[in-house]
C-alpha atoms as a PDB file:
ATOM      1  CA  UNK A   1     149.251  87.510  87.056  1.00  0.00           C
ATOM      2  CA  UNK A   2     148.804  83.758  87.620  1.00  0.00           C
ATOM      3  CA  UNK A   3     148.298  83.168  83.886  1.00  0.00           C
ATOM      4  CA  UNK A   4     151.339  85.303  82.985  1.00  0.00           C
ATOM      5  CA  UNK A   5     153.530  83.384  85.433  1.00  0.00           C
ATOM      6  CA  UNK A   6     152.244  80.060  84.082  1.00  0.00           C
ATOM      7  CA  UNK A   7     153.092  81.148  80.531  1.00  0.00           C
ATOM      8  CA  UNK A   8     156.615  82.184  81.572  1.00  0.00           C
ATOM      9  CA  UNK A   9     157.207  78.924  83.453  1.00  0.00           C
ATOM     10  CA  UNK A  10     156.018  76.741  80.572  1.00  0.00           C
ATOM     11  CA  UNK A  11     158.036  78.728  78.009  1.00  0.00           C
ATOM     12  CA  UNK A  12     161.227  78.180  80.047  1.00  0.00           C
ATOM     13  CA  UNK A  13     160.443  74.494  80.611  1.00  0.00           C
ATOM     14  CA  UNK A  14     159.677  73.939  76.914  1.00  0.00           C
ATOM     15  CA  UNK A  15     162.920  75.713  75.938  1.00  0.00           C
ATOM     16  CA  UNK A  16     164.883  73.352  78.182  1.00  0.00           C
ATOM     17  CA  UNK A  17     163.073  70.368  76.642  1.00  0.00           C
ATOM     18  CA  UNK A  18     163.853  71.528  73.117  1.00  0.00           C
ATOM     19  CA  UNK A  19     167.515  72.128  73.974  1.00  0.00           C
ATOM     20  CA  UNK A  20     168.288  68.937  75.901  1.00  0.00           C
ATOM     21  CA  UNK A  21     165.371  66.598  75.138  1.00  0.00           C
ATOM     22  CA  UNK A  22     164.120  66.677  78.733  1.00  0.00           C
ATOM     23  CA  UNK A  23     163.306  68.958  81.667  1.00  0.00           C
ATOM     24  CA  UNK A  24     159.842  70.280  80.817  1.00  0.00           C
ATOM     25  CA  UNK A  25     157.959  68.741  83.731  1.00  0.00           C
ATOM     26  CA  UNK A  26     160.919  68.665  86.124  1.00  0.00           C
ATOM     27  CA  UNK A  27     161.337  72.415  85.735  1.00  0.00           C
ATOM     28  CA  UNK A  28     157.677  73.393  85.430  1.00  0.00           C
ATOM     29  CA  UNK A  29     155.871  71.263  87.995  1.00  0.00           C
ATOM     30  CA  UNK A  30     157.636  72.508  91.175  1.00  0.00           C
ATOM     31  CA  UNK A  31     156.967  76.118  90.137  1.00  0.00           C
ATOM     32  CA  UNK A  32     153.387  75.546  88.966  1.00  0.00           C
ATOM     33  CA  UNK A  33     152.457  73.996  92.308  1.00  0.00           C
ATOM     34  CA  UNK A  34     152.849  77.458  93.831  1.00  0.00           C
ATOM     35  CA  UNK A  35     150.021  78.592  91.525  1.00  0.00           C
ATOM     36  CA  UNK A  36     147.699  75.563  91.407  1.00  0.00           C
ATOM     37  CA  UNK A  37     147.098  72.134  93.002  1.00  0.00           C
ATOM     38  CA  UNK A  38     149.463  69.389  91.885  1.00  0.00           C
ATOM     39  CA  UNK A  39     146.445  67.294  90.841  1.00  0.00           C
ATOM     40  CA  UNK A  40     145.692  70.027  88.278  1.00  0.00           C
ATOM     41  CA  UNK A  41     149.279  70.749  87.209  1.00  0.00           C
ATOM     42  CA  UNK A  42     150.238  67.115  86.490  1.00  0.00           C
ATOM     43  CA  UNK A  43     147.454  66.379  83.935  1.00  0.00           C
ATOM     44  CA  UNK A  44     147.971  69.809  82.366  1.00  0.00           C
ATOM     45  CA  UNK A  45     151.677  69.163  81.869  1.00  0.00           C
ATOM     46  CA  UNK A  46     150.938  65.696  80.546  1.00  0.00           C
ATOM     47  CA  UNK A  47     148.543  67.091  77.929  1.00  0.00           C
ATOM     48  CA  UNK A  48     150.946  69.779  76.708  1.00  0.00           C
ATOM     49  CA  UNK A  49     153.838  67.293  76.779  1.00  0.00           C
ATOM     50  CA  UNK A  50     152.192  65.234  74.052  1.00  0.00           C
ATOM     51  CA  UNK A  51     152.418  68.109  71.564  1.00  0.00           C
ATOM     52  CA  UNK A  52     155.777  69.339  72.837  1.00  0.00           C
ATOM     53  CA  UNK A  53     157.447  65.952  72.435  1.00  0.00           C
ATOM     54  CA  UNK A  54     155.772  65.432  69.073  1.00  0.00           C
ATOM     55  CA  UNK A  55     157.568  68.562  67.806  1.00  0.00           C
ATOM     56  CA  UNK A  56     160.931  67.412  69.218  1.00  0.00           C
ATOM     57  CA  UNK A  57     160.410  63.911  67.837  1.00  0.00           C
ATOM     58  CA  UNK A  58     159.546  65.109  64.317  1.00  0.00           C
ATOM     59  CA  UNK A  59     162.742  67.172  64.228  1.00  0.00           C
ATOM     60  CA  UNK A  60     164.957  64.344  65.545  1.00  0.00           C
ATOM     61  CA  UNK A  61     163.170  61.207  64.277  1.00  0.00           C
ATOM     62  CA  UNK A  62     165.893  60.279  61.748  1.00  0.00           C
ATOM     63  CA  UNK A  63     168.250  59.594  64.657  1.00  0.00           C
ATOM     64  CA  UNK A  64     165.831  57.233  66.424  1.00  0.00           C
ATOM     65  CA  UNK A  65     166.622  53.531  66.825  1.00  0.00           C
ATOM     66  CA  UNK A  66     163.214  52.243  67.935  1.00  0.00           C
ATOM     67  CA  UNK A  67     164.409  48.657  68.438  1.00  0.00           C
ATOM     68  CA  UNK A  68     167.036  49.811  70.913  1.00  0.00           C
ATOM     69  CA  UNK A  69     164.484  51.446  73.245  1.00  0.00           C
ATOM     70  CA  UNK A  70     161.557  49.030  72.797  1.00  0.00           C
ATOM     71  CA  UNK A  71     161.980  47.394  76.263  1.00  0.00           C
ATOM     72  CA  UNK A  72     161.998  50.887  77.770  1.00  0.00           C
ATOM     73  CA  UNK A  73     158.738  51.803  76.040  1.00  0.00           C
ATOM     74  CA  UNK A  74     156.929  48.622  77.070  1.00  0.00           C
ATOM     75  CA  UNK A  75     157.992  48.644  80.729  1.00  0.00           C
ATOM     76  CA  UNK A  76     157.332  52.386  81.066  1.00  0.00           C
ATOM     77  CA  UNK A  77     153.788  52.055  79.714  1.00  0.00           C
ATOM     78  CA  UNK A  78     153.116  49.062  81.975  1.00  0.00           C
ATOM     79  CA  UNK A  79     153.992  51.062  85.107  1.00  0.00           C
ATOM     80  CA  UNK A  80     151.748  54.061  84.332  1.00  0.00           C
ATOM     81  CA  UNK A  81     148.582  52.837  86.115  1.00  0.00           C
ATOM     82  CA  UNK A  82     150.502  52.285  89.354  1.00  0.00           C
ATOM     83  CA  UNK A  83     151.957  55.782  89.095  1.00  0.00           C
ATOM     84  CA  UNK A  84     148.522  57.379  88.619  1.00  0.00           C
ATOM     85  CA  UNK A  85     147.288  55.467  91.661  1.00  0.00           C
ATOM     86  CA  UNK A  86     150.216  56.959  93.623  1.00  0.00           C
ATOM     87  CA  UNK A  87     149.243  60.468  92.480  1.00  0.00           C
ATOM     88  CA  UNK A  88     145.789  59.970  93.986  1.00  0.00           C
ATOM     89  CA  UNK A  89     146.922  58.366  97.240  1.00  0.00           C
ATOM     90  CA  UNK A  90     150.548  59.218  98.151  1.00  0.00           C
ATOM     91  CA  UNK A  91     151.861  62.281  99.978  1.00  0.00           C
ATOM     92  CA  UNK A  92     152.834  64.853  97.330  1.00  0.00           C
ATOM     93  CA  UNK A  93     155.672  66.433  99.298  1.00  0.00           C
ATOM     94  CA  UNK A  94     157.328  63.098 100.006  1.00  0.00           C
ATOM     95  CA  UNK A  95     157.220  62.196  96.317  1.00  0.00           C
ATOM     96  CA  UNK A  96     158.825  65.472  95.245  1.00  0.00           C
ATOM     97  CA  UNK A  97     161.559  65.356  97.883  1.00  0.00           C
ATOM     98  CA  UNK A  98     162.392  61.724  97.154  1.00  0.00           C
ATOM     99  CA  UNK A  99     162.653  62.280  93.413  1.00  0.00           C
ATOM    100  CA  UNK A 100     164.647  65.505  93.887  1.00  0.00           C
ATOM    101  CA  UNK A 101     167.233  63.900  96.182  1.00  0.00           C
ATOM    102  CA  UNK A 102     167.643  60.972  93.789  1.00  0.00           C
ATOM    103  CA  UNK A 103     168.104  63.314  90.830  1.00  0.00           C
ATOM    104  CA  UNK A 104     170.669  65.525  92.602  1.00  0.00           C
ATOM    105  CA  UNK A 105     172.778  62.596  93.795  1.00  0.00           C
ATOM    106  CA  UNK A 106     172.664  60.891  90.411  1.00  0.00           C
ATOM    107  CA  UNK A 107     173.667  64.004  88.470  1.00  0.00           C
ATOM    108  CA  UNK A 108     176.602  64.631  90.833  1.00  0.00           C
ATOM    109  CA  UNK A 109     177.775  61.023  90.426  1.00  0.00           C
ATOM    110  CA  UNK A 110     177.686  61.166  86.635  1.00  0.00           C
ATOM    111  CA  UNK A 111     179.292  64.608  86.467  1.00  0.00           C
ATOM    112  CA  UNK A 112     182.168  63.153  88.471  1.00  0.00           C
ATOM    113  CA  UNK A 113     182.783  60.725  85.612  1.00  0.00           C
ATOM    114  CA  UNK A 114     181.528  57.598  87.383  1.00  0.00           C
ATOM    115  CA  UNK A 115     179.978  55.029  85.050  1.00  0.00           C
ATOM    116  CA  UNK A 116     178.589  51.533  85.366  1.00  0.00           C
ATOM    117  CA  UNK A 117     179.328  49.061  82.596  1.00  0.00           C
ATOM    118  CA  UNK A 118     175.991  47.729  81.345  1.00  0.00           C
ATOM    119  CA  UNK A 119     176.542  44.807  79.008  1.00  0.00           C
ATOM    120  CA  UNK A 120     172.928  43.658  78.670  1.00  0.00           C
ATOM    121  CA  UNK A 121     171.431  47.022  77.803  1.00  0.00           C
ATOM    122  CA  UNK A 122     167.947  45.885  76.778  1.00  0.00           C
ATOM    123  CA  UNK A 123     167.505  43.860  79.963  1.00  0.00           C
ATOM    124  CA  UNK A 124     168.619  46.834  82.075  1.00  0.00           C
ATOM    125  CA  UNK A 125     166.034  49.022  80.341  1.00  0.00           C
ATOM    126  CA  UNK A 126     163.141  47.072  81.904  1.00  0.00           C
ATOM    127  CA  UNK A 127     163.587  48.313  85.523  1.00  0.00           C
ATOM    128  CA  UNK A 128     164.645  51.750  84.225  1.00  0.00           C
ATOM    129  CA  UNK A 129     161.449  52.020  82.175  1.00  0.00           C
ATOM    130  CA  UNK A 130     159.260  50.709  84.993  1.00  0.00           C
ATOM    131  CA  UNK A 131     160.606  53.283  87.459  1.00  0.00           C
ATOM    132  CA  UNK A 132     160.234  56.026  84.855  1.00  0.00           C
ATOM    133  CA  UNK A 133     156.621  55.070  84.082  1.00  0.00           C
ATOM    134  CA  UNK A 134     155.799  54.946  87.776  1.00  0.00           C
ATOM    135  CA  UNK A 135     157.203  58.452  88.274  1.00  0.00           C
ATOM    136  CA  UNK A 136     155.415  59.718  85.167  1.00  0.00           C
ATOM    137  CA  UNK A 137     152.009  58.701  86.462  1.00  0.00           C
ATOM    138  CA  UNK A 138     152.656  60.097  89.928  1.00  0.00           C
ATOM    139  CA  UNK A 139     154.501  63.340  89.150  1.00  0.00           C
ATOM    140  CA  UNK A 140     155.206  63.506  85.343  1.00  0.00           C
ATOM    141  CA  UNK A 141     158.899  63.210  86.376  1.00  0.00           C
ATOM    142  CA  UNK A 142     159.539  60.345  83.971  1.00  0.00           C
ATOM    143  CA  UNK A 143     162.883  61.704  82.793  1.00  0.00           C
ATOM    144  CA  UNK A 144     165.552  61.119  85.463  1.00  0.00           C
ATOM    145  CA  UNK A 145     165.900  57.298  85.281  1.00  0.00           C
ATOM    146  CA  UNK A 146     166.009  57.324  81.468  1.00  0.00           C
ATOM    147  CA  UNK A 147     168.264  60.390  81.191  1.00  0.00           C
ATOM    148  CA  UNK A 148     170.801  58.974  83.638  1.00  0.00           C
ATOM    149  CA  UNK A 149     170.750  55.605  81.877  1.00  0.00           C
ATOM    150  CA  UNK A 150     171.349  57.205  78.465  1.00  0.00           C
ATOM    151  CA  UNK A 151     174.118  59.392  79.904  1.00  0.00           C
ATOM    152  CA  UNK A 152     175.758  56.292  81.369  1.00  0.00           C
ATOM    153  CA  UNK A 153     175.556  54.578  77.970  1.00  0.00           C
ATOM    154  CA  UNK A 154     177.103  57.614  76.239  1.00  0.00           C
ATOM    155  CA  UNK A 155     174.223  57.895  73.781  1.00  0.00           C
ATOM    156  CA  UNK A 156     175.015  60.435  71.033  1.00  0.00           C
ATOM    157  CA  UNK A 157     173.321  63.859  71.264  1.00  0.00           C
ATOM    158  CA  UNK A 158     170.817  63.527  68.419  1.00  0.00           C
ATOM    159  CA  UNK A 159     169.941  59.927  69.281  1.00  0.00           C
ATOM    160  CA  UNK A 160     169.627  60.993  72.940  1.00  0.00           C
ATOM    161  CA  UNK A 161     167.047  63.652  72.045  1.00  0.00           C
ATOM    162  CA  UNK A 162     165.179  61.453  69.548  1.00  0.00           C
ATOM    163  CA  UNK A 163     164.930  58.510  71.967  1.00  0.00           C
ATOM    164  CA  UNK A 164     163.721  60.697  74.839  1.00  0.00           C
ATOM    165  CA  UNK A 165     161.155  62.431  72.618  1.00  0.00           C
ATOM    166  CA  UNK A 166     159.766  59.118  71.332  1.00  0.00           C
ATOM    167  CA  UNK A 167     159.625  57.676  74.833  1.00  0.00           C
ATOM    168  CA  UNK A 168     157.982  60.720  76.439  1.00  0.00           C
ATOM    169  CA  UNK A 169     155.537  61.055  73.528  1.00  0.00           C
ATOM    170  CA  UNK A 170     154.291  57.492  73.882  1.00  0.00           C
ATOM    171  CA  UNK A 171     154.169  57.611  77.670  1.00  0.00           C
ATOM    172  CA  UNK A 172     152.160  60.834  77.802  1.00  0.00           C
ATOM    173  CA  UNK A 173     149.863  59.798  74.943  1.00  0.00           C
ATOM    174  CA  UNK A 174     148.915  56.761  77.034  1.00  0.00           C
ATOM    175  CA  UNK A 175     148.697  58.796  80.248  1.00  0.00           C
ATOM    176  CA  UNK A 176     146.186  61.365  78.913  1.00  0.00           C
ATOM    177  CA  UNK A 177     143.221  58.942  78.608  1.00  0.00           C
ATOM    178  CA  UNK A 178     144.264  57.360  81.904  1.00  0.00           C
ATOM    179  CA  UNK A 179     144.057  60.767  83.620  1.00  0.00           C
ATOM    180  CA  UNK A 180     140.644  61.339  82.018  1.00  0.00           C
ATOM    181  CA  UNK A 181     139.390  57.959  83.242  1.00  0.00           C
ATOM    182  CA  UNK A 182     140.704  58.726  86.722  1.00  0.00           C
ATOM    183  CA  UNK A 183     138.845  62.040  86.839  1.00  0.00           C
ATOM    184  CA  UNK A 184     142.079  64.073  87.050  1.00  0.00           C
ATOM    185  CA  UNK A 185     141.893  65.614  83.551  1.00  0.00           C
ATOM    186  CA  UNK A 186     138.564  67.410  83.264  1.00  0.00           C
ATOM    187  CA  UNK A 187     137.068  69.465  80.449  1.00  0.00           C
ATOM    188  CA  UNK A 188     137.766  72.653  82.398  1.00  0.00           C
ATOM    189  CA  UNK A 189     141.438  71.767  82.861  1.00  0.00           C
ATOM    190  CA  UNK A 190     141.784  70.906  79.171  1.00  0.00           C
ATOM    191  CA  UNK A 191     140.158  74.208  78.155  1.00  0.00           C
ATOM    192  CA  UNK A 192     142.415  76.238  80.449  1.00  0.00           C
ATOM    193  CA  UNK A 193     145.434  74.419  79.026  1.00  0.00           C
ATOM    194  CA  UNK A 194     144.677  75.705  75.507  1.00  0.00           C
ATOM    195  CA  UNK A 195     145.739  79.213  76.535  1.00  0.00           C
ATOM    196  CA  UNK A 196     149.195  77.902  77.421  1.00  0.00           C
ATOM    197  CA  UNK A 197     150.041  76.195  74.118  1.00  0.00           C
ATOM    198  CA  UNK A 198     151.613  79.273  72.404  1.00  0.00           C
ATOM    199  CA  UNK A 199     154.209  79.540  75.191  1.00  0.00           C
ATOM    200  CA  UNK A 200     154.968  75.813  75.040  1.00  0.00           C
ATOM    201  CA  UNK A 201     155.332  75.666  71.255  1.00  0.00           C
ATOM    202  CA  UNK A 202     157.442  78.831  70.950  1.00  0.00           C
ATOM    203  CA  UNK A 203     159.674  77.706  73.831  1.00  0.00           C
ATOM    204  CA  UNK A 204     160.389  74.262  72.404  1.00  0.00           C
ATOM    205  CA  UNK A 205     161.091  75.593  68.890  1.00  0.00           C
ATOM    206  CA  UNK A 206     163.584  78.090  70.303  1.00  0.00           C
ATOM    207  CA  UNK A 207     165.270  75.323  72.303  1.00  0.00           C
ATOM    208  CA  UNK A 208     165.517  73.051  69.251  1.00  0.00           C
ATOM    209  CA  UNK A 209     167.156  75.835  67.275  1.00  0.00           C
ATOM    210  CA  UNK A 210     169.743  76.389  70.006  1.00  0.00           C
ATOM    211  CA  UNK A 211     170.425  72.633  70.265  1.00  0.00           C
ATOM    212  CA  UNK A 212     171.739  72.592  66.699  1.00  0.00           C
ATOM    213  CA  UNK A 213     174.675  74.836  67.633  1.00  0.00           C
ATOM    214  CA  UNK A 214     175.693  73.158  70.915  1.00  0.00           C
ATOM    215  CA  UNK A 215     178.628  70.704  70.800  1.00  0.00           C
ATOM    216  CA  UNK A 216     178.292  67.081  71.916  1.00  0.00           C
ATOM    217  CA  UNK A 217     180.490  67.507  75.019  1.00  0.00           C
ATOM    218  CA  UNK A 218     178.818  70.726  76.116  1.00  0.00           C
ATOM    219  CA  UNK A 219     175.400  69.199  75.502  1.00  0.00           C
ATOM    220  CA  UNK A 220     176.049  66.250  77.838  1.00  0.00           C
ATOM    221  CA  UNK A 221     177.512  68.528  80.512  1.00  0.00           C
ATOM    222  CA  UNK A 222     174.589  70.969  80.228  1.00  0.00           C
ATOM    223  CA  UNK A 223     172.088  68.106  80.392  1.00  0.00           C
ATOM    224  CA  UNK A 224     173.512  66.769  83.659  1.00  0.00           C
ATOM    225  CA  UNK A 225     173.877  70.237  85.208  1.00  0.00           C
ATOM    226  CA  UNK A 226     170.263  70.991  84.284  1.00  0.00           C
ATOM    227  CA  UNK A 227     169.174  67.705  85.831  1.00  0.00           C
ATOM    228  CA  UNK A 228     170.851  68.581  89.140  1.00  0.00           C
ATOM    229  CA  UNK A 229     169.278  72.051  89.212  1.00  0.00           C
ATOM    230  CA  UNK A 230     165.872  70.575  88.494  1.00  0.00           C
ATOM    231  CA  UNK A 231     166.372  68.142  91.349  1.00  0.00           C
ATOM    232  CA  UNK A 232     166.890  71.123  93.674  1.00  0.00           C
ATOM    233  CA  UNK A 233     163.639  72.646  92.384  1.00  0.00           C
ATOM    234  CA  UNK A 234     161.841  69.405  93.185  1.00  0.00           C
ATOM    235  CA  UNK A 235     163.166  69.255  96.761  1.00  0.00           C
ATOM    236  CA  UNK A 236     162.356  72.931  97.417  1.00  0.00           C
ATOM    237  CA  UNK A 237     158.837  72.447  96.107  1.00  0.00           C
ATOM    238  CA  UNK A 238     158.349  69.396  98.329  1.00  0.00           C
ATOM    239  CA  UNK A 239     159.587  71.249 101.401  1.00  0.00           C
END
């Protein structure tokens, strides 16, 4: 029963990732923590995220402007070690509740139409990337700061998905060996994760297919609604 539930959770999370370019960990982690310790779920999600985001990236790579997001990539990678240290030392519930509240408030603000004019985009990406990398190491919740920043900048749908996929792919590819070195990703965890890959791959491919028929306006609205719902999941899991 536990394995079946894990497969269903990861399929739904991967579908959301394929559709919007984000949401895999935000959706999956709060639910998986009812079935396993968070110290097991986080490395497992990180490992599967590498392959999941590789699939999304390969489908959307033509829309990627790597120079535009380079500061984001560098600052996000630099913050990973501090995030992994938080995972090993900080209170799990407090982390989940804090992230969830931030996500809910931010999604409500952006759905209301509020925007901040960011003239020096690359400079603004440095703190956004650092916060995202910190959250990735601690909870795999790297998405919210980057998603909200891209939504604020009105990034086009296909570039939105390509940029997120490239960013998440790099961040998780760096995080996997860091989790191994920290003793959080063991051989047993990696072996158990293999059974979950069919659900992840089928879910993300289905989501990608659906993304091709969703309009730009509906995509942005769905992305922000999904972010708010995922924030609720995070708070409930923390409580």
